[in-house]
Amino acid sequence: MKNFGLLVLGIILGTLAMYFYCCQDTDLAIEEPTKPSGLISSKEAKVLDEAYNIKHRIINDSLFKKSTDGGDNRSSWWSIEDIQNYINHAENQAGELGYTMDGLRVYLGAYPQVDGQEGLTTMFIVPTGTENKSKGSMFSMFQDGSGDIQGADGLNVGGHGKPPSVNYPQ
């Protein structure tokens, strides 16, 4: 009986030791999110923005009359929620169109001329991806990078700077 009591005590102590050993929270430090490729510093962004000034000035001075609302657009803004909803929508639509979405492309555009007023510059986003092909297709080896997904919806109507022509940072 004495040995049986020691056996039970040993099992209990062993169970407790395993619990504390195995179930400790070893992830006390918060992991940093993976940084995407192509990150630039705010200083680099400022250099890029300033380098664009001359092109923006040439385009505006040669093509547009001075607008009353602060000039042509230099930026577009979308909320995180709009971007996340768009990505979800684009991934679903890509699947329906027979594509695997793998990225987004941002285009510069301009609204059409209305009542003699030149349309302002805009930026819009379209999904990119590759067409789903069966593994046995001989054309799958000729698939190249990420083209725009034909027939997919784009995202436009982002907010603009205040005034529209303001430089980085706002």
C-alpha atoms as a PDB file:
ATOM      1  CA  MET A   1       0.000   0.000   0.000  1.00  0.00           C
ATOM      2  CA  LYS A   2       2.921   2.279   0.766  1.00  0.00           C
ATOM      3  CA  ASN A   3       4.301   1.722  -2.765  1.00  0.00           C
ATOM      4  CA  PHE A   4       0.912   2.398  -4.301  1.00  0.00           C
ATOM      5  CA  GLY A   5       0.747   5.791  -2.548  1.00  0.00           C
ATOM      6  CA  LEU A   6       4.219   6.677  -3.815  1.00  0.00           C
ATOM      7  CA  LEU A   7       3.168   5.628  -7.349  1.00  0.00           C
ATOM      8  CA  VAL A   8       0.114   7.908  -7.250  1.00  0.00           C
ATOM      9  CA  LEU A   9       2.204  10.761  -5.844  1.00  0.00           C
ATOM     10  CA  GLY A  10       4.802  10.218  -8.588  1.00  0.00           C
ATOM     11  CA  ILE A  11       2.123  10.290 -11.308  1.00  0.00           C
ATOM     12  CA  ILE A  12       0.655  13.506  -9.909  1.00  0.00           C
ATOM     13  CA  LEU A  13       4.063  15.191  -9.631  1.00  0.00           C
ATOM     14  CA  GLY A  14       5.039  13.973 -13.113  1.00  0.00           C
ATOM     15  CA  THR A  15       1.779  15.288 -14.570  1.00  0.00           C
ATOM     16  CA  LEU A  16       2.283  18.675 -12.940  1.00  0.00           C
ATOM     17  CA  ALA A  17       5.884  18.871 -14.120  1.00  0.00           C
ATOM     18  CA  MET A  18       4.865  18.009 -17.712  1.00  0.00           C
ATOM     19  CA  TYR A  19       2.039  20.545 -17.575  1.00  0.00           C
ATOM     20  CA  PHE A  20       4.354  23.377 -16.527  1.00  0.00           C
ATOM     21  CA  TYR A  21       7.099  22.271 -18.916  1.00  0.00           C
ATOM     22  CA  CYS A  22       4.926  21.801 -22.025  1.00  0.00           C
ATOM     23  CA  CYS A  23       2.294  24.418 -21.525  1.00  0.00           C
ATOM     24  CA  GLN A  24       4.433  27.450 -20.741  1.00  0.00           C
ATOM     25  CA  ASP A  25       3.782  30.414 -22.984  1.00  0.00           C
ATOM     26  CA  THR A  26       7.102  30.718 -24.803  1.00  0.00           C
ATOM     27  CA  ASP A  27       5.812  33.427 -27.144  1.00  0.00           C
ATOM     28  CA  LEU A  28       6.047  36.250 -24.648  1.00  0.00           C
ATOM     29  CA  ALA A  29       7.655  38.551 -27.193  1.00  0.00           C
ATOM     30  CA  ILE A  30       5.323  39.958 -29.828  1.00  0.00           C
ATOM     31  CA  GLU A  31       6.384  38.915 -33.307  1.00  0.00           C
ATOM     32  CA  GLU A  32       6.909  41.720 -35.765  1.00  0.00           C
ATOM     33  CA  PRO A  33       4.872  41.403 -38.946  1.00  0.00           C
ATOM     34  CA  THR A  34       6.742  40.409 -42.073  1.00  0.00           C
ATOM     35  CA  LYS A  35       7.911  43.466 -43.955  1.00  0.00           C
ATOM     36  CA  PRO A  36       6.891  43.520 -47.608  1.00  0.00           C
ATOM     37  CA  SER A  37       9.510  43.933 -50.289  1.00  0.00           C
ATOM     38  CA  GLY A  38       9.837  47.424 -51.711  1.00  0.00           C
ATOM     39  CA  LEU A  39       9.470  49.353 -48.457  1.00  0.00           C
ATOM     40  CA  ILE A  40      10.874  52.859 -48.590  1.00  0.00           C
ATOM     41  CA  SER A  41      11.504  55.335 -45.810  1.00  0.00           C
ATOM     42  CA  SER A  42       9.558  58.558 -45.490  1.00  0.00           C
ATOM     43  CA  LYS A  43      12.712  60.390 -46.620  1.00  0.00           C
ATOM     44  CA  GLU A  44      12.805  58.291 -49.816  1.00  0.00           C
ATOM     45  CA  ALA A  45       9.084  58.956 -50.362  1.00  0.00           C
ATOM     46  CA  LYS A  46       9.744  62.690 -50.068  1.00  0.00           C
ATOM     47  CA  VAL A  47      12.554  62.454 -52.664  1.00  0.00           C
ATOM     48  CA  LEU A  48      10.244  60.611 -55.081  1.00  0.00           C
ATOM     49  CA  ASP A  49       7.460  63.133 -54.510  1.00  0.00           C
ATOM     50  CA  GLU A  50       9.777  66.105 -55.064  1.00  0.00           C
ATOM     51  CA  ALA A  51      11.226  64.511 -58.228  1.00  0.00           C
ATOM     52  CA  TYR A  52       7.679  64.309 -59.602  1.00  0.00           C
ATOM     53  CA  ASN A  53       7.059  68.035 -59.051  1.00  0.00           C
ATOM     54  CA  ILE A  54       8.555  69.110 -62.391  1.00  0.00           C
ATOM     55  CA  LYS A  55       6.520  66.547 -64.350  1.00  0.00           C
ATOM     56  CA  HIS A  56       3.360  67.532 -62.510  1.00  0.00           C
ATOM     57  CA  ARG A  57       4.013  71.219 -63.154  1.00  0.00           C
ATOM     58  CA  ILE A  58       4.678  70.632 -66.895  1.00  0.00           C
ATOM     59  CA  ILE A  59       1.509  68.578 -67.283  1.00  0.00           C
ATOM     60  CA  ASN A  60      -0.650  71.055 -65.380  1.00  0.00           C
ATOM     61  CA  ASP A  61       0.770  74.194 -66.986  1.00  0.00           C
ATOM     62  CA  SER A  62       0.494  72.838 -70.508  1.00  0.00           C
ATOM     63  CA  LEU A  63      -2.853  71.044 -70.346  1.00  0.00           C
ATOM     64  CA  PHE A  64      -5.018  72.491 -67.636  1.00  0.00           C
ATOM     65  CA  LYS A  65      -6.446  75.809 -66.723  1.00  0.00           C
ATOM     66  CA  LYS A  66      -5.882  76.661 -63.088  1.00  0.00           C
ATOM     67  CA  SER A  67      -8.704  74.919 -61.253  1.00  0.00           C
ATOM     68  CA  THR A  68     -10.632  76.677 -58.539  1.00  0.00           C
ATOM     69  CA  ASP A  69     -10.423  73.778 -56.079  1.00  0.00           C
ATOM     70  CA  GLY A  70      -6.656  73.656 -55.608  1.00  0.00           C
ATOM     71  CA  GLY A  71      -5.164  72.077 -58.713  1.00  0.00           C
ATOM     72  CA  ASP A  72      -4.913  68.577 -60.074  1.00  0.00           C
ATOM     73  CA  ASN A  73      -4.763  65.511 -57.865  1.00  0.00           C
ATOM     74  CA  ARG A  74      -1.372  64.318 -56.597  1.00  0.00           C
ATOM     75  CA  SER A  75      -2.622  61.416 -54.490  1.00  0.00           C
ATOM     76  CA  SER A  76      -5.512  59.088 -53.734  1.00  0.00           C
ATOM     77  CA  TRP A  77      -6.619  57.762 -50.363  1.00  0.00           C
ATOM     78  CA  TRP A  78      -8.669  54.683 -49.451  1.00  0.00           C
ATOM     79  CA  SER A  79      -9.607  53.455 -45.987  1.00  0.00           C
ATOM     80  CA  ILE A  80      -8.133  50.191 -44.734  1.00  0.00           C
ATOM     81  CA  GLU A  81     -11.671  48.770 -44.715  1.00  0.00           C
ATOM     82  CA  ASP A  82     -12.199  49.702 -48.381  1.00  0.00           C
ATOM     83  CA  ILE A  83      -8.862  48.143 -49.371  1.00  0.00           C
ATOM     84  CA  GLN A  84      -9.565  44.931 -47.429  1.00  0.00           C
ATOM     85  CA  ASN A  85     -13.082  44.697 -48.847  1.00  0.00           C
ATOM     86  CA  TYR A  86     -11.733  45.318 -52.343  1.00  0.00           C
ATOM     87  CA  ILE A  87      -9.081  42.605 -51.981  1.00  0.00           C
ATOM     88  CA  ASN A  88     -11.737  40.122 -50.811  1.00  0.00           C
ATOM     89  CA  HIS A  89     -14.049  41.109 -53.680  1.00  0.00           C
ATOM     90  CA  ALA A  90     -11.244  40.927 -56.251  1.00  0.00           C
ATOM     91  CA  GLU A  91     -10.086  37.493 -55.041  1.00  0.00           C
ATOM     92  CA  ASN A  92     -13.636  36.132 -55.283  1.00  0.00           C
ATOM     93  CA  GLN A  93     -14.163  37.674 -58.704  1.00  0.00           C
ATOM     94  CA  ALA A  94     -10.787  36.395 -59.927  1.00  0.00           C
ATOM     95  CA  GLY A  95     -11.804  32.854 -58.977  1.00  0.00           C
ATOM     96  CA  GLU A  96     -15.118  33.246 -60.802  1.00  0.00           C
ATOM     97  CA  LEU A  97     -13.253  34.477 -63.890  1.00  0.00           C
ATOM     98  CA  GLY A  98     -10.840  31.523 -63.769  1.00  0.00           C
ATOM     99  CA  TYR A  99      -7.801  33.346 -62.355  1.00  0.00           C
ATOM    100  CA  THR A 100      -5.635  33.131 -59.264  1.00  0.00           C
ATOM    101  CA  MET A 101      -5.119  36.640 -57.956  1.00  0.00           C
ATOM    102  CA  ASP A 102      -1.574  37.369 -56.847  1.00  0.00           C
ATOM    103  CA  GLY A 103      -1.283  41.136 -56.670  1.00  0.00           C
ATOM    104  CA  LEU A 104      -2.626  44.599 -57.333  1.00  0.00           C
ATOM    105  CA  ARG A 105      -1.569  47.196 -59.888  1.00  0.00           C
ATOM    106  CA  VAL A 106      -2.096  50.951 -59.457  1.00  0.00           C
ATOM    107  CA  TYR A 107      -2.744  53.025 -62.583  1.00  0.00           C
ATOM    108  CA  LEU A 108      -2.805  56.770 -63.103  1.00  0.00           C
ATOM    109  CA  GLY A 109      -5.917  57.910 -64.935  1.00  0.00           C
ATOM    110  CA  ALA A 110      -7.935  61.029 -65.582  1.00  0.00           C
ATOM    111  CA  TYR A 111     -11.613  61.771 -65.553  1.00  0.00           C
ATOM    112  CA  PRO A 112     -13.081  62.816 -68.905  1.00  0.00           C
ATOM    113  CA  GLN A 113     -13.564  66.457 -69.859  1.00  0.00           C
ATOM    114  CA  VAL A 114     -16.995  67.748 -68.817  1.00  0.00           C
ATOM    115  CA  ASP A 115     -18.456  71.114 -69.905  1.00  0.00           C
ATOM    116  CA  GLY A 116     -15.054  72.331 -71.096  1.00  0.00           C
ATOM    117  CA  GLN A 117     -13.412  71.512 -67.758  1.00  0.00           C
ATOM    118  CA  GLU A 118     -10.466  69.110 -67.901  1.00  0.00           C
ATOM    119  CA  GLY A 119     -10.917  66.069 -65.681  1.00  0.00           C
ATOM    120  CA  LEU A 120      -8.659  65.679 -62.688  1.00  0.00           C
ATOM    121  CA  THR A 121      -6.058  62.950 -62.341  1.00  0.00           C
ATOM    122  CA  THR A 122      -7.090  59.842 -60.444  1.00  0.00           C
ATOM    123  CA  MET A 123      -5.458  56.610 -59.372  1.00  0.00           C
ATOM    124  CA  PHE A 124      -7.208  53.263 -59.606  1.00  0.00           C
ATOM    125  CA  ILE A 125      -6.341  49.745 -58.562  1.00  0.00           C
ATOM    126  CA  VAL A 126      -6.868  46.551 -60.552  1.00  0.00           C
ATOM    127  CA  PRO A 127      -6.197  42.947 -59.556  1.00  0.00           C
ATOM    128  CA  THR A 128      -3.447  40.934 -61.228  1.00  0.00           C
ATOM    129  CA  GLY A 129      -3.051  37.212 -61.493  1.00  0.00           C
ATOM    130  CA  THR A 130      -2.589  34.175 -63.653  1.00  0.00           C
ATOM    131  CA  GLU A 131      -5.216  32.234 -65.499  1.00  0.00           C
ATOM    132  CA  ASN A 132      -6.008  28.866 -63.951  1.00  0.00           C
ATOM    133  CA  LYS A 133      -4.893  26.143 -66.323  1.00  0.00           C
ATOM    134  CA  SER A 134      -4.989  22.439 -65.748  1.00  0.00           C
ATOM    135  CA  LYS A 135      -1.668  20.884 -64.779  1.00  0.00           C
ATOM    136  CA  GLY A 136      -1.656  18.873 -68.002  1.00  0.00           C
ATOM    137  CA  SER A 137      -1.970  21.925 -70.237  1.00  0.00           C
ATOM    138  CA  MET A 138       1.026  22.552 -72.438  1.00  0.00           C
ATOM    139  CA  PHE A 139       0.254  26.271 -72.204  1.00  0.00           C
ATOM    140  CA  SER A 140       0.860  26.371 -68.437  1.00  0.00           C
ATOM    141  CA  MET A 141       4.617  26.458 -69.029  1.00  0.00           C
ATOM    142  CA  PHE A 142       4.184  29.588 -71.148  1.00  0.00           C
ATOM    143  CA  GLN A 143       2.307  31.520 -68.472  1.00  0.00           C
ATOM    144  CA  ASP A 144       4.240  34.615 -67.591  1.00  0.00           C
ATOM    145  CA  GLY A 145       4.004  37.021 -64.660  1.00  0.00           C
ATOM    146  CA  SER A 146       1.011  38.761 -63.358  1.00  0.00           C
ATOM    147  CA  GLY A 147      -1.118  40.399 -65.973  1.00  0.00           C
ATOM    148  CA  ASP A 148      -4.242  42.374 -65.203  1.00  0.00           C
ATOM    149  CA  ILE A 149      -7.248  40.109 -64.681  1.00  0.00           C
ATOM    150  CA  GLN A 150      -9.427  40.791 -67.702  1.00  0.00           C
ATOM    151  CA  GLY A 151     -13.031  41.639 -66.824  1.00  0.00           C
ATOM    152  CA  ALA A 152     -12.329  42.221 -63.117  1.00  0.00           C
ATOM    153  CA  ASP A 153     -13.568  45.299 -61.269  1.00  0.00           C
ATOM    154  CA  GLY A 154     -11.106  48.032 -60.372  1.00  0.00           C
ATOM    155  CA  LEU A 155     -11.145  50.300 -57.314  1.00  0.00           C
ATOM    156  CA  ASN A 156     -11.378  54.050 -57.902  1.00  0.00           C
ATOM    157  CA  VAL A 157     -12.910  57.046 -56.135  1.00  0.00           C
ATOM    158  CA  GLY A 158     -10.273  57.380 -53.470  1.00  0.00           C
ATOM    159  CA  GLY A 159     -10.131  60.598 -51.544  1.00  0.00           C
ATOM    160  CA  HIS A 160      -7.681  63.256 -52.720  1.00  0.00           C
ATOM    161  CA  GLY A 161      -5.333  65.626 -50.969  1.00  0.00           C
ATOM    162  CA  LYS A 162      -6.497  68.825 -49.340  1.00  0.00           C
ATOM    163  CA  PRO A 163      -6.003  70.724 -51.616  1.00  0.00           C
ATOM    164  CA  PRO A 164      -5.690  68.099 -54.343  1.00  0.00           C
ATOM    165  CA  SER A 165      -2.279  69.376 -55.478  1.00  0.00           C
ATOM    166  CA  VAL A 166      -0.600  69.130 -52.056  1.00  0.00           C
ATOM    167  CA  ASN A 167       2.692  67.243 -51.874  1.00  0.00           C
ATOM    168  CA  TYR A 168       3.881  64.451 -49.605  1.00  0.00           C
ATOM    169  CA  PRO A 169       3.552  64.387 -46.643  1.00  0.00           C
ATOM    170  CA  GLN A 170       0.029  65.662 -46.069  1.00  0.00           C
END
